Amino acid sequence: MPWVAVLEWLDPLMGAGNWTPELVRYAGGKSLFGEVGHHSPYLSWEDMQMADPDVIVLGPCGYSLERTMKDVPLLSHHPIWQELKAVRERNIYAIDGNQYLNRSGPRLVESAEMLAQMIWKEQMDLSVDAKGWASIEKTLSASHNP
């Protein structure tokens, strides 16, 4: 089962708590850092390095997907970022945290399906909102190729 780090905030780093670890479990992953029913914990870069997640999902609280993408350099410029397994294997994603992770509501099933798509890629035959999440690698590549 892949180890998944969902980040609810990027500077300072915060893991996602509350219901997000449960969504990761429903999606077929093991959540790092956050605990079901507990507030989101602050993390150090050393915590990230030691955990070395298989998948990283960026879902800052209250941020749209577009706004989250603007903050990717906060992570990508840190020296530890390039050492992480998820980064080396290009398993980094951003999700519209405001719509899918940060508030409980009727989209929880859809949120779990999006996470499953991120974790399992083409192994999952799911139809999820393509505008609600993005691969960081694909988005950065597209922005560098006019």
Protein backbone atom coordinates (compact mmCIF):
# COMPACT_ATOMS: atom_id res chain seq x y z
CA MET A 1 0.00 0.00 0.00
CA PRO A 2 1.57 3.33 -1.04
CA TRP A 3 2.52 5.91 1.60
CA VAL A 4 0.76 9.20 0.85
CA ALA A 5 1.61 12.65 2.22
CA VAL A 6 -1.25 15.10 1.84
CA LEU A 7 -0.07 18.61 2.64
CA GLU A 8 -2.70 21.00 3.91
CA TRP A 9 -0.26 23.90 3.97
CA LEU A 10 3.05 24.44 2.18
CA ASP A 11 4.91 27.08 4.20
CA PRO A 12 5.20 26.02 6.91
CA LEU A 13 4.53 22.40 5.98
CA MET A 14 1.41 20.86 7.49
CA GLY A 15 0.11 17.34 7.05
CA ALA A 16 -3.63 16.89 6.53
CA GLY A 17 -5.61 15.63 9.51
CA ASN A 18 -9.32 15.47 10.31
CA TRP A 19 -11.07 13.30 7.65
CA THR A 20 -8.30 13.38 5.01
CA PRO A 21 -6.38 10.33 6.35
CA GLU A 22 -9.61 8.37 6.08
CA LEU A 23 -10.08 9.52 2.47
CA VAL A 24 -6.54 8.34 1.69
CA ARG A 25 -7.33 4.96 3.23
CA TYR A 26 -10.53 4.66 1.15
CA ALA A 27 -8.42 5.49 -1.91
CA GLY A 28 -6.07 2.59 -1.14
CA GLY A 29 -3.16 4.44 0.42
CA LYS A 30 -1.61 4.83 3.86
CA SER A 31 -1.71 8.39 5.11
CA LEU A 32 1.43 9.91 6.57
CA PHE A 33 1.44 12.60 9.24
CA GLY A 34 -2.27 13.37 9.88
CA GLU A 35 -4.61 11.39 12.10
CA VAL A 36 -8.36 10.91 11.68
CA GLY A 37 -10.24 13.32 13.92
CA HIS A 38 -7.16 15.35 14.88
CA HIS A 39 -6.01 18.76 13.72
CA SER A 40 -3.44 18.98 10.96
CA PRO A 41 0.12 18.75 12.34
CA TYR A 42 3.05 20.99 11.48
CA LEU A 43 5.93 19.17 9.77
CA SER A 44 9.60 19.80 9.25
CA TRP A 45 11.45 19.10 6.04
CA GLU A 46 13.30 16.42 7.98
CA ASP A 47 9.92 14.76 8.74
CA MET A 48 9.23 14.66 5.00
CA GLN A 49 12.69 13.32 4.26
CA MET A 50 12.43 10.56 6.88
CA ALA A 51 8.93 9.51 5.74
CA ASP A 52 9.94 9.64 2.05
CA PRO A 53 6.36 9.34 0.69
CA ASP A 54 5.45 7.39 -2.43
CA VAL A 55 2.87 10.04 -3.39
CA ILE A 56 2.56 13.71 -2.40
CA VAL A 57 -0.74 15.58 -2.73
CA LEU A 58 -0.83 19.35 -2.28
CA GLY A 59 -4.19 20.59 -1.02
CA PRO A 60 -3.72 23.85 0.88
CA CYS A 61 -6.66 24.87 3.01
CA GLY A 62 -8.97 27.26 1.18
CA TYR A 63 -6.94 27.27 -2.04
CA SER A 64 -8.17 26.54 -5.52
CA LEU A 65 -6.09 24.32 -7.79
CA GLU A 66 -4.88 27.38 -9.70
CA ARG A 67 -3.80 29.14 -6.48
CA THR A 68 -2.04 26.01 -5.21
CA MET A 69 -0.01 25.78 -8.41
CA LYS A 70 1.38 29.28 -7.76
CA ASP A 71 2.93 28.03 -4.50
CA VAL A 72 4.69 24.95 -5.93
CA PRO A 73 8.02 26.85 -6.03
CA LEU A 74 7.88 27.09 -2.22
CA LEU A 75 8.50 23.34 -2.25
CA SER A 76 10.49 22.80 -5.42
CA HIS A 77 13.20 25.26 -4.38
CA HIS A 78 13.90 23.43 -1.12
CA PRO A 79 16.96 21.11 -1.34
CA ILE A 80 15.18 18.15 0.32
CA TRP A 81 12.33 18.29 -2.22
CA GLN A 82 14.45 16.79 -5.01
CA GLU A 83 15.51 13.90 -2.74
CA LEU A 84 11.98 12.67 -2.05
CA LYS A 85 10.89 9.42 -3.71
CA ALA A 86 7.55 10.90 -4.86
CA VAL A 87 9.38 13.75 -6.56
CA ARG A 88 11.96 11.50 -8.23
CA GLU A 89 9.18 9.21 -9.48
CA ARG A 90 6.94 12.12 -10.49
CA ASN A 91 4.10 11.22 -8.15
CA ILE A 92 3.25 14.75 -7.04
CA TYR A 93 -0.23 16.16 -7.46
CA ALA A 94 -2.22 19.23 -6.55
CA ILE A 95 -5.91 19.19 -5.75
CA ASP A 96 -8.45 21.95 -5.27
CA GLY A 97 -8.26 21.77 -1.48
CA ASN A 98 -11.09 24.25 -1.03
CA GLN A 99 -13.52 22.08 -3.00
CA TYR A 100 -12.35 18.54 -2.26
CA LEU A 101 -10.32 18.18 0.96
CA ASN A 102 -10.65 21.02 3.44
CA ARG A 103 -14.38 20.90 4.07
CA SER A 104 -16.52 17.90 4.80
CA GLY A 105 -19.48 17.74 2.50
CA PRO A 106 -21.17 15.94 -0.36
CA ARG A 107 -17.96 15.71 -2.42
CA LEU A 108 -16.16 13.31 -0.07
CA VAL A 109 -16.73 10.29 -2.32
CA GLU A 110 -15.48 12.27 -5.30
CA SER A 111 -12.47 13.37 -3.23
CA ALA A 112 -11.59 9.75 -2.39
CA GLU A 113 -11.91 8.83 -6.08
CA MET A 114 -9.55 11.65 -7.07
CA LEU A 115 -7.03 10.49 -4.49
CA ALA A 116 -7.34 6.93 -5.81
CA GLN A 117 -6.64 8.20 -9.33
CA MET A 118 -3.52 9.99 -8.07
CA ILE A 119 -2.29 6.97 -6.09
CA TRP A 120 -3.04 4.25 -8.63
CA LYS A 121 -2.93 6.21 -11.92
CA GLU A 122 -4.11 4.22 -14.93
CA GLN A 123 -4.73 1.15 -12.77
CA MET A 124 -7.95 2.88 -11.70
CA ASP A 125 -10.79 3.18 -14.18
CA LEU A 126 -12.48 6.19 -12.62
CA SER A 127 -14.12 9.21 -14.14
CA VAL A 128 -13.11 12.11 -11.92
CA ASP A 129 -13.27 15.88 -12.39
CA ALA A 130 -10.16 16.64 -14.43
CA LYS A 131 -10.38 20.30 -13.39
CA GLY A 132 -10.20 19.44 -9.69
CA TRP A 133 -6.65 18.07 -9.64
CA ALA A 134 -3.44 18.04 -11.66
CA SER A 135 -0.09 16.33 -11.87
CA ILE A 136 2.56 18.80 -10.80
CA GLU A 137 5.02 17.35 -13.33
CA LYS A 138 2.62 17.64 -16.27
CA THR A 139 1.56 21.15 -15.31
CA LEU A 140 5.15 22.36 -14.93
CA SER A 141 6.16 20.71 -18.20
CA ALA A 142 3.24 22.33 -20.03
CA SER A 143 4.14 25.77 -18.66
CA HIS A 144 7.72 25.40 -19.95
CA ASN A 145 6.64 24.35 -23.45
CA PRO A 146 4.78 27.23 -25.16
